[in-house]
């Protein structure tokens, strides 16, 4: 398979290494200083582009890749609130009102780790159980490296939304802040930034009697990079707006 890389930081380098080890070819690498290469035969030859950049750049990267007829796999977070509707229209099979784009392909995940995919499935199942036990109150904490720009992490938001969807007693999630009163109708998500931590997500259900805790602790970014390459392999033969749930049927 021919792969283009959009973003060539630590994740980009690791994705390149894993893709090559799995027999794929890297045909184009686009970073901040060579964005004109979107309009190149090398980029257009890619079956899939894997994109890991910043929240403010992600959507424009999708547009530029789609303009060249290239499918996109993306792990960038922080863009959904502003451009989520645009992406859903662009990846729909038929034209949508207010959008000229349609029929495009994006595989998006807030976290490509296989372990996080399993953890997410456990989270959804546990939340369904906990809907019957209102004495347990959920709270989430996520810890990442000091270079991470968004807080809470995209993974934490996804996990929190899964909990809210399953618990009748919760109306939404809120970002934890010091000295902010806690609304019991919400799920509080606390964010910590420390050193070079790849990512830790912990969910606690606390009651007067006891506490139930599940946690995922990434040892390195390698699991994210492998998952992104697996997603690219899946995306090559699929279309539309794709997610981890499409790739892994738990």
C-alpha atoms as a PDB file:
ATOM      1  CA  UNK A   1       0.000   0.000   0.000  1.00  0.00           C
ATOM      2  CA  UNK A   2       1.159   3.544  -0.753  1.00  0.00           C
ATOM      3  CA  UNK A   3       0.963   5.870   2.259  1.00  0.00           C
ATOM      4  CA  UNK A   4       1.423   9.635   2.569  1.00  0.00           C
ATOM      5  CA  UNK A   5       2.284  11.171   5.925  1.00  0.00           C
ATOM      6  CA  UNK A   6       0.872  14.549   6.972  1.00  0.00           C
ATOM      7  CA  UNK A   7       2.819  15.720  10.017  1.00  0.00           C
ATOM      8  CA  UNK A   8       6.324  14.430  10.647  1.00  0.00           C
ATOM      9  CA  UNK A   9       6.876  14.768  14.361  1.00  0.00           C
ATOM     10  CA  UNK A  10       7.489  11.903  16.771  1.00  0.00           C
ATOM     11  CA  UNK A  11       4.275  10.154  15.738  1.00  0.00           C
ATOM     12  CA  UNK A  12       4.994  10.617  12.043  1.00  0.00           C
ATOM     13  CA  UNK A  13       8.437   9.076  12.380  1.00  0.00           C
ATOM     14  CA  UNK A  14       7.072   6.128  14.343  1.00  0.00           C
ATOM     15  CA  UNK A  15       4.226   5.564  11.847  1.00  0.00           C
ATOM     16  CA  UNK A  16       6.791   5.594   9.032  1.00  0.00           C
ATOM     17  CA  UNK A  17       8.895   2.955  10.786  1.00  0.00           C
ATOM     18  CA  UNK A  18       5.929   0.648  11.422  1.00  0.00           C
ATOM     19  CA  UNK A  19       4.451   1.122   7.937  1.00  0.00           C
ATOM     20  CA  UNK A  20       7.753   0.190   6.299  1.00  0.00           C
ATOM     21  CA  UNK A  21       8.113  -2.850   8.561  1.00  0.00           C
ATOM     22  CA  UNK A  22       4.685  -4.038   7.374  1.00  0.00           C
ATOM     23  CA  UNK A  23       5.720  -3.798   3.715  1.00  0.00           C
ATOM     24  CA  UNK A  24       4.099  -0.460   2.839  1.00  0.00           C
ATOM     25  CA  UNK A  25       5.640   2.365   0.836  1.00  0.00           C
ATOM     26  CA  UNK A  26       5.860   5.988   2.026  1.00  0.00           C
ATOM     27  CA  UNK A  27       5.341   8.053  -1.130  1.00  0.00           C
ATOM     28  CA  UNK A  28       5.038  11.553   0.348  1.00  0.00           C
ATOM     29  CA  UNK A  29       5.826  13.303   3.628  1.00  0.00           C
ATOM     30  CA  UNK A  30       4.217  16.706   4.243  1.00  0.00           C
ATOM     31  CA  UNK A  31       5.171  18.944   7.147  1.00  0.00           C
ATOM     32  CA  UNK A  32       5.011  22.665   7.909  1.00  0.00           C
ATOM     33  CA  UNK A  33       7.723  23.659   5.441  1.00  0.00           C
ATOM     34  CA  UNK A  34       6.497  21.816   2.301  1.00  0.00           C
ATOM     35  CA  UNK A  35       2.714  22.086   2.230  1.00  0.00           C
ATOM     36  CA  UNK A  36       2.855  22.757  -1.514  1.00  0.00           C
ATOM     37  CA  UNK A  37       3.519  19.012  -1.876  1.00  0.00           C
ATOM     38  CA  UNK A  38      -0.197  18.347  -1.403  1.00  0.00           C
ATOM     39  CA  UNK A  39      -0.390  19.305  -5.093  1.00  0.00           C
ATOM     40  CA  UNK A  40       2.100  16.707  -6.313  1.00  0.00           C
ATOM     41  CA  UNK A  41       1.948  13.466  -8.234  1.00  0.00           C
ATOM     42  CA  UNK A  42       3.657  11.716  -5.336  1.00  0.00           C
ATOM     43  CA  UNK A  43       0.930  12.704  -2.887  1.00  0.00           C
ATOM     44  CA  UNK A  44      -1.843  11.897  -5.371  1.00  0.00           C
ATOM     45  CA  UNK A  45      -0.420   8.390  -5.783  1.00  0.00           C
ATOM     46  CA  UNK A  46      -1.125   7.547  -2.115  1.00  0.00           C
ATOM     47  CA  UNK A  47      -3.885   5.088  -1.269  1.00  0.00           C
ATOM     48  CA  UNK A  48      -4.255   6.694   2.165  1.00  0.00           C
ATOM     49  CA  UNK A  49      -2.760   9.690   3.988  1.00  0.00           C
ATOM     50  CA  UNK A  50      -2.115   9.382   7.727  1.00  0.00           C
ATOM     51  CA  UNK A  51      -2.501  12.751   9.461  1.00  0.00           C
ATOM     52  CA  UNK A  52      -1.241  13.669  12.946  1.00  0.00           C
ATOM     53  CA  UNK A  53      -0.972  17.451  13.337  1.00  0.00           C
ATOM     54  CA  UNK A  54      -2.462  20.270  15.423  1.00  0.00           C
ATOM     55  CA  UNK A  55      -6.176  20.989  16.028  1.00  0.00           C
ATOM     56  CA  UNK A  56      -6.082  24.226  14.014  1.00  0.00           C
ATOM     57  CA  UNK A  57      -4.516  22.534  10.964  1.00  0.00           C
ATOM     58  CA  UNK A  58      -6.367  19.216  10.799  1.00  0.00           C
ATOM     59  CA  UNK A  59      -9.513  20.169   8.880  1.00  0.00           C
ATOM     60  CA  UNK A  60      -7.595  22.092   6.220  1.00  0.00           C
ATOM     61  CA  UNK A  61      -5.344  19.054   5.816  1.00  0.00           C
ATOM     62  CA  UNK A  62      -8.412  16.867   5.219  1.00  0.00           C
ATOM     63  CA  UNK A  63      -9.681  19.274   2.562  1.00  0.00           C
ATOM     64  CA  UNK A  64      -6.368  19.408   0.750  1.00  0.00           C
ATOM     65  CA  UNK A  65      -6.008  15.625   0.761  1.00  0.00           C
ATOM     66  CA  UNK A  66      -9.575  15.115  -0.455  1.00  0.00           C
ATOM     67  CA  UNK A  67      -9.007  17.617  -3.260  1.00  0.00           C
ATOM     68  CA  UNK A  68      -6.303  15.261  -4.514  1.00  0.00           C
ATOM     69  CA  UNK A  69      -8.558  12.224  -4.243  1.00  0.00           C
ATOM     70  CA  UNK A  70      -6.726  10.753  -1.242  1.00  0.00           C
ATOM     71  CA  UNK A  71      -8.441   9.081   1.715  1.00  0.00           C
ATOM     72  CA  UNK A  72      -7.393  10.247   5.191  1.00  0.00           C
ATOM     73  CA  UNK A  73      -6.694   8.545   8.506  1.00  0.00           C
ATOM     74  CA  UNK A  74      -6.395  11.119  11.290  1.00  0.00           C
ATOM     75  CA  UNK A  75      -5.557  11.120  14.968  1.00  0.00           C
ATOM     76  CA  UNK A  76      -5.679  14.899  15.381  1.00  0.00           C
ATOM     77  CA  UNK A  77      -8.069  16.086  18.084  1.00  0.00           C
ATOM     78  CA  UNK A  78      -9.602  19.417  19.064  1.00  0.00           C
ATOM     79  CA  UNK A  79     -11.254  20.206  15.703  1.00  0.00           C
ATOM     80  CA  UNK A  80     -14.565  18.391  16.135  1.00  0.00           C
ATOM     81  CA  UNK A  81     -16.560  21.209  17.760  1.00  0.00           C
ATOM     82  CA  UNK A  82     -15.863  23.624  14.889  1.00  0.00           C
ATOM     83  CA  UNK A  83     -15.761  21.274  11.912  1.00  0.00           C
ATOM     84  CA  UNK A  84     -17.622  18.109  12.934  1.00  0.00           C
ATOM     85  CA  UNK A  85     -20.702  18.948  10.864  1.00  0.00           C
ATOM     86  CA  UNK A  86     -18.550  19.829   7.846  1.00  0.00           C
ATOM     87  CA  UNK A  87     -16.768  16.485   8.022  1.00  0.00           C
ATOM     88  CA  UNK A  88     -20.017  14.534   8.372  1.00  0.00           C
ATOM     89  CA  UNK A  89     -21.379  16.269   5.255  1.00  0.00           C
ATOM     90  CA  UNK A  90     -18.184  15.724   3.290  1.00  0.00           C
ATOM     91  CA  UNK A  91     -18.096  12.000   4.105  1.00  0.00           C
ATOM     92  CA  UNK A  92     -21.783  11.390   3.361  1.00  0.00           C
ATOM     93  CA  UNK A  93     -22.429   9.316   0.199  1.00  0.00           C
ATOM     94  CA  UNK A  94     -24.633  12.007  -1.362  1.00  0.00           C
ATOM     95  CA  UNK A  95     -24.579  15.842  -1.425  1.00  0.00           C
ATOM     96  CA  UNK A  96     -25.778  17.537   1.774  1.00  0.00           C
ATOM     97  CA  UNK A  97     -27.423  20.939   2.076  1.00  0.00           C
ATOM     98  CA  UNK A  98     -24.827  23.658   2.409  1.00  0.00           C
ATOM     99  CA  UNK A  99     -21.908  21.517   1.284  1.00  0.00           C
ATOM    100  CA  UNK A 100     -20.388  20.867  -2.126  1.00  0.00           C
ATOM    101  CA  UNK A 101     -18.203  18.064  -0.749  1.00  0.00           C
ATOM    102  CA  UNK A 102     -19.481  14.510  -0.468  1.00  0.00           C
ATOM    103  CA  UNK A 103     -18.267  10.959  -0.917  1.00  0.00           C
ATOM    104  CA  UNK A 104     -14.967  11.599   0.872  1.00  0.00           C
ATOM    105  CA  UNK A 105     -13.336   9.189   3.317  1.00  0.00           C
ATOM    106  CA  UNK A 106     -11.985   9.915   6.796  1.00  0.00           C
ATOM    107  CA  UNK A 107     -11.050   7.377   9.437  1.00  0.00           C
ATOM    108  CA  UNK A 108     -10.883   9.392  12.637  1.00  0.00           C
ATOM    109  CA  UNK A 109     -10.049   8.236  16.140  1.00  0.00           C
ATOM    110  CA  UNK A 110      -9.116  10.170  19.237  1.00  0.00           C
ATOM    111  CA  UNK A 111      -6.818   7.254  20.057  1.00  0.00           C
ATOM    112  CA  UNK A 112      -5.637   4.461  17.738  1.00  0.00           C
ATOM    113  CA  UNK A 113      -4.241   2.184  20.438  1.00  0.00           C
ATOM    114  CA  UNK A 114      -5.652  -1.345  20.274  1.00  0.00           C
ATOM    115  CA  UNK A 115      -5.555  -1.358  24.068  1.00  0.00           C
ATOM    116  CA  UNK A 116      -7.639   1.822  24.202  1.00  0.00           C
ATOM    117  CA  UNK A 117     -10.150   0.265  21.802  1.00  0.00           C
ATOM    118  CA  UNK A 118     -10.537  -2.640  24.232  1.00  0.00           C
ATOM    119  CA  UNK A 119     -10.657  -0.225  27.179  1.00  0.00           C
ATOM    120  CA  UNK A 120     -13.374   1.769  25.420  1.00  0.00           C
ATOM    121  CA  UNK A 121     -15.476  -1.366  24.973  1.00  0.00           C
ATOM    122  CA  UNK A 122     -15.072  -2.163  28.676  1.00  0.00           C
ATOM    123  CA  UNK A 123     -16.003   1.429  29.543  1.00  0.00           C
ATOM    124  CA  UNK A 124     -19.248   1.238  27.575  1.00  0.00           C
ATOM    125  CA  UNK A 125     -20.193  -2.107  29.110  1.00  0.00           C
ATOM    126  CA  UNK A 126     -19.419  -0.961  32.656  1.00  0.00           C
ATOM    127  CA  UNK A 127     -21.418   2.257  32.167  1.00  0.00           C
ATOM    128  CA  UNK A 128     -24.456   0.240  31.074  1.00  0.00           C
ATOM    129  CA  UNK A 129     -24.193  -1.840  34.248  1.00  0.00           C
ATOM    130  CA  UNK A 130     -23.763   1.267  36.396  1.00  0.00           C
ATOM    131  CA  UNK A 131     -26.983   2.792  35.084  1.00  0.00           C
ATOM    132  CA  UNK A 132     -28.726   0.428  37.532  1.00  0.00           C
ATOM    133  CA  UNK A 133     -26.620   1.564  40.508  1.00  0.00           C
ATOM    134  CA  UNK A 134     -27.019   5.320  41.121  1.00  0.00           C
ATOM    135  CA  UNK A 135     -24.968   5.151  44.329  1.00  0.00           C
ATOM    136  CA  UNK A 136     -21.828   5.005  42.152  1.00  0.00           C
ATOM    137  CA  UNK A 137     -20.664   8.372  40.814  1.00  0.00           C
ATOM    138  CA  UNK A 138     -18.210   8.400  37.877  1.00  0.00           C
ATOM    139  CA  UNK A 139     -15.179  10.657  37.638  1.00  0.00           C
ATOM    140  CA  UNK A 140     -12.392  10.625  35.058  1.00  0.00           C
ATOM    141  CA  UNK A 141      -8.746  11.692  35.125  1.00  0.00           C
ATOM    142  CA  UNK A 142      -6.405  11.868  32.134  1.00  0.00           C
ATOM    143  CA  UNK A 143      -2.652  12.477  32.243  1.00  0.00           C
ATOM    144  CA  UNK A 144      -0.474  13.377  29.249  1.00  0.00           C
ATOM    145  CA  UNK A 145       2.891  14.923  28.372  1.00  0.00           C
ATOM    146  CA  UNK A 146       3.394  18.649  28.809  1.00  0.00           C
ATOM    147  CA  UNK A 147       3.430  19.245  25.015  1.00  0.00           C
ATOM    148  CA  UNK A 148      -0.209  18.238  24.519  1.00  0.00           C
ATOM    149  CA  UNK A 149      -2.252  21.257  23.448  1.00  0.00           C
ATOM    150  CA  UNK A 150      -5.841  20.165  24.109  1.00  0.00           C
ATOM    151  CA  UNK A 151      -7.409  19.357  27.478  1.00  0.00           C
ATOM    152  CA  UNK A 152      -9.261  17.183  28.133  1.00  0.00           C
ATOM    153  CA  UNK A 153      -7.739  14.782  25.641  1.00  0.00           C
ATOM    154  CA  UNK A 154      -9.836  13.624  22.723  1.00  0.00           C
ATOM    155  CA  UNK A 155      -9.779  10.123  24.178  1.00  0.00           C
ATOM    156  CA  UNK A 156     -11.087  11.378  27.520  1.00  0.00           C
ATOM    157  CA  UNK A 157     -13.925  13.226  25.789  1.00  0.00           C
ATOM    158  CA  UNK A 158     -14.863  10.093  23.834  1.00  0.00           C
ATOM    159  CA  UNK A 159     -14.855   7.989  27.016  1.00  0.00           C
ATOM    160  CA  UNK A 160     -16.865  10.607  28.926  1.00  0.00           C
ATOM    161  CA  UNK A 161     -19.471  10.799  26.168  1.00  0.00           C
ATOM    162  CA  UNK A 162     -19.824   7.014  26.280  1.00  0.00           C
ATOM    163  CA  UNK A 163     -20.548   7.214  30.007  1.00  0.00           C
ATOM    164  CA  UNK A 164     -23.072  10.030  29.578  1.00  0.00           C
ATOM    165  CA  UNK A 165     -24.851   8.092  26.823  1.00  0.00           C
ATOM    166  CA  UNK A 166     -25.354   5.134  29.174  1.00  0.00           C
ATOM    167  CA  UNK A 167     -26.173   6.865  32.469  1.00  0.00           C
ATOM    168  CA  UNK A 168     -29.662   8.359  32.722  1.00  0.00           C
ATOM    169  CA  UNK A 169     -28.513  10.424  35.712  1.00  0.00           C
ATOM    170  CA  UNK A 170     -25.833  12.299  33.717  1.00  0.00           C
ATOM    171  CA  UNK A 171     -26.587  15.123  31.279  1.00  0.00           C
ATOM    172  CA  UNK A 172     -23.048  15.803  30.079  1.00  0.00           C
ATOM    173  CA  UNK A 173     -19.396  16.086  31.045  1.00  0.00           C
ATOM    174  CA  UNK A 174     -17.421  19.082  32.361  1.00  0.00           C
ATOM    175  CA  UNK A 175     -13.768  19.958  32.456  1.00  0.00           C
ATOM    176  CA  UNK A 176     -12.478  19.818  36.008  1.00  0.00           C
ATOM    177  CA  UNK A 177     -11.279  23.151  37.347  1.00  0.00           C
ATOM    178  CA  UNK A 178     -10.002  24.187  40.759  1.00  0.00           C
ATOM    179  CA  UNK A 179     -12.569  25.918  42.997  1.00  0.00           C
ATOM    180  CA  UNK A 180     -15.369  25.121  40.549  1.00  0.00           C
ATOM    181  CA  UNK A 181     -18.543  23.713  42.150  1.00  0.00           C
ATOM    182  CA  UNK A 182     -19.229  20.156  41.042  1.00  0.00           C
ATOM    183  CA  UNK A 183     -22.577  19.499  39.371  1.00  0.00           C
ATOM    184  CA  UNK A 184     -23.643  15.913  40.240  1.00  0.00           C
ATOM    185  CA  UNK A 185     -25.567  15.704  36.951  1.00  0.00           C
ATOM    186  CA  UNK A 186     -22.278  15.797  35.023  1.00  0.00           C
ATOM    187  CA  UNK A 187     -19.152  13.672  34.698  1.00  0.00           C
ATOM    188  CA  UNK A 188     -16.064  15.631  35.766  1.00  0.00           C
ATOM    189  CA  UNK A 189     -12.926  15.130  33.667  1.00  0.00           C
ATOM    190  CA  UNK A 190      -9.650  16.259  35.257  1.00  0.00           C
ATOM    191  CA  UNK A 191      -6.568  16.831  33.091  1.00  0.00           C
ATOM    192  CA  UNK A 192      -2.974  16.585  34.292  1.00  0.00           C
ATOM    193  CA  UNK A 193       0.129  17.435  32.247  1.00  0.00           C
ATOM    194  CA  UNK A 194       3.370  15.836  33.408  1.00  0.00           C
ATOM    195  CA  UNK A 195       6.742  15.126  31.807  1.00  0.00           C
ATOM    196  CA  UNK A 196       6.618  12.899  28.725  1.00  0.00           C
ATOM    197  CA  UNK A 197       3.672  10.692  29.763  1.00  0.00           C
ATOM    198  CA  UNK A 198       2.208   9.090  26.574  1.00  0.00           C
ATOM    199  CA  UNK A 199      -1.263   8.833  28.072  1.00  0.00           C
ATOM    200  CA  UNK A 200      -3.108   7.526  31.133  1.00  0.00           C
ATOM    201  CA  UNK A 201      -6.911   7.416  31.356  1.00  0.00           C
ATOM    202  CA  UNK A 202      -8.569   6.416  34.614  1.00  0.00           C
ATOM    203  CA  UNK A 203     -12.291   6.095  35.338  1.00  0.00           C
ATOM    204  CA  UNK A 204     -13.553   5.715  38.888  1.00  0.00           C
ATOM    205  CA  UNK A 205     -17.034   4.859  40.115  1.00  0.00           C
ATOM    206  CA  UNK A 206     -17.103   5.938  43.756  1.00  0.00           C
ATOM    207  CA  UNK A 207     -19.704   5.187  46.412  1.00  0.00           C
ATOM    208  CA  UNK A 208     -19.896   5.391  50.188  1.00  0.00           C
ATOM    209  CA  UNK A 209     -19.141   1.675  50.398  1.00  0.00           C
ATOM    210  CA  UNK A 210     -16.367   1.225  47.814  1.00  0.00           C
ATOM    211  CA  UNK A 211     -14.722   2.363  44.584  1.00  0.00           C
ATOM    212  CA  UNK A 212     -14.436   0.591  41.235  1.00  0.00           C
ATOM    213  CA  UNK A 213     -11.587   1.747  38.975  1.00  0.00           C
ATOM    214  CA  UNK A 214     -10.563   0.933  35.402  1.00  0.00           C
ATOM    215  CA  UNK A 215      -7.466   2.409  33.794  1.00  0.00           C
ATOM    216  CA  UNK A 216      -5.408   2.356  30.608  1.00  0.00           C
ATOM    217  CA  UNK A 217      -1.724   3.310  30.823  1.00  0.00           C
ATOM    218  CA  UNK A 218       0.196   3.615  27.543  1.00  0.00           C
ATOM    219  CA  UNK A 219       3.857   2.627  27.844  1.00  0.00           C
ATOM    220  CA  UNK A 220       4.816   4.493  24.652  1.00  0.00           C
ATOM    221  CA  UNK A 221       3.361   6.031  21.510  1.00  0.00           C
ATOM    222  CA  UNK A 222       4.142   2.869  19.546  1.00  0.00           C
ATOM    223  CA  UNK A 223       0.688   1.408  20.176  1.00  0.00           C
ATOM    224  CA  UNK A 224      -0.924   4.543  18.721  1.00  0.00           C
ATOM    225  CA  UNK A 225       1.315   4.383  15.637  1.00  0.00           C
ATOM    226  CA  UNK A 226       0.593   0.697  14.989  1.00  0.00           C
ATOM    227  CA  UNK A 227      -3.142   1.336  15.320  1.00  0.00           C
ATOM    228  CA  UNK A 228      -2.929   4.182  12.792  1.00  0.00           C
ATOM    229  CA  UNK A 229      -1.251   1.904  10.241  1.00  0.00           C
ATOM    230  CA  UNK A 230      -3.868  -0.819  10.871  1.00  0.00           C
ATOM    231  CA  UNK A 231      -6.539   1.854  10.303  1.00  0.00           C
ATOM    232  CA  UNK A 232      -4.892   2.845   7.011  1.00  0.00           C
ATOM    233  CA  UNK A 233      -4.943  -0.782   5.881  1.00  0.00           C
ATOM    234  CA  UNK A 234      -8.658  -0.920   6.745  1.00  0.00           C
ATOM    235  CA  UNK A 235      -9.462   2.443   5.122  1.00  0.00           C
ATOM    236  CA  UNK A 236      -7.911   1.488   1.775  1.00  0.00           C
ATOM    237  CA  UNK A 237     -10.929  -0.734   1.076  1.00  0.00           C
ATOM    238  CA  UNK A 238     -13.674   1.238   2.886  1.00  0.00           C
ATOM    239  CA  UNK A 239     -15.409   4.578   2.436  1.00  0.00           C
ATOM    240  CA  UNK A 240     -17.192   7.285   4.408  1.00  0.00           C
ATOM    241  CA  UNK A 241     -16.680   8.401   7.997  1.00  0.00           C
ATOM    242  CA  UNK A 242     -14.958   5.487   9.705  1.00  0.00           C
ATOM    243  CA  UNK A 243     -14.118   4.862  13.371  1.00  0.00           C
ATOM    244  CA  UNK A 244     -12.467   2.285  15.591  1.00  0.00           C
ATOM    245  CA  UNK A 245     -15.887   0.675  16.035  1.00  0.00           C
ATOM    246  CA  UNK A 246     -15.926  -0.115  12.321  1.00  0.00           C
ATOM    247  CA  UNK A 247     -12.526  -1.785  12.471  1.00  0.00           C
ATOM    248  CA  UNK A 248     -12.945  -3.683  15.742  1.00  0.00           C
ATOM    249  CA  UNK A 249     -16.277  -5.436  16.312  1.00  0.00           C
ATOM    250  CA  UNK A 250     -16.444  -5.967  20.078  1.00  0.00           C
END
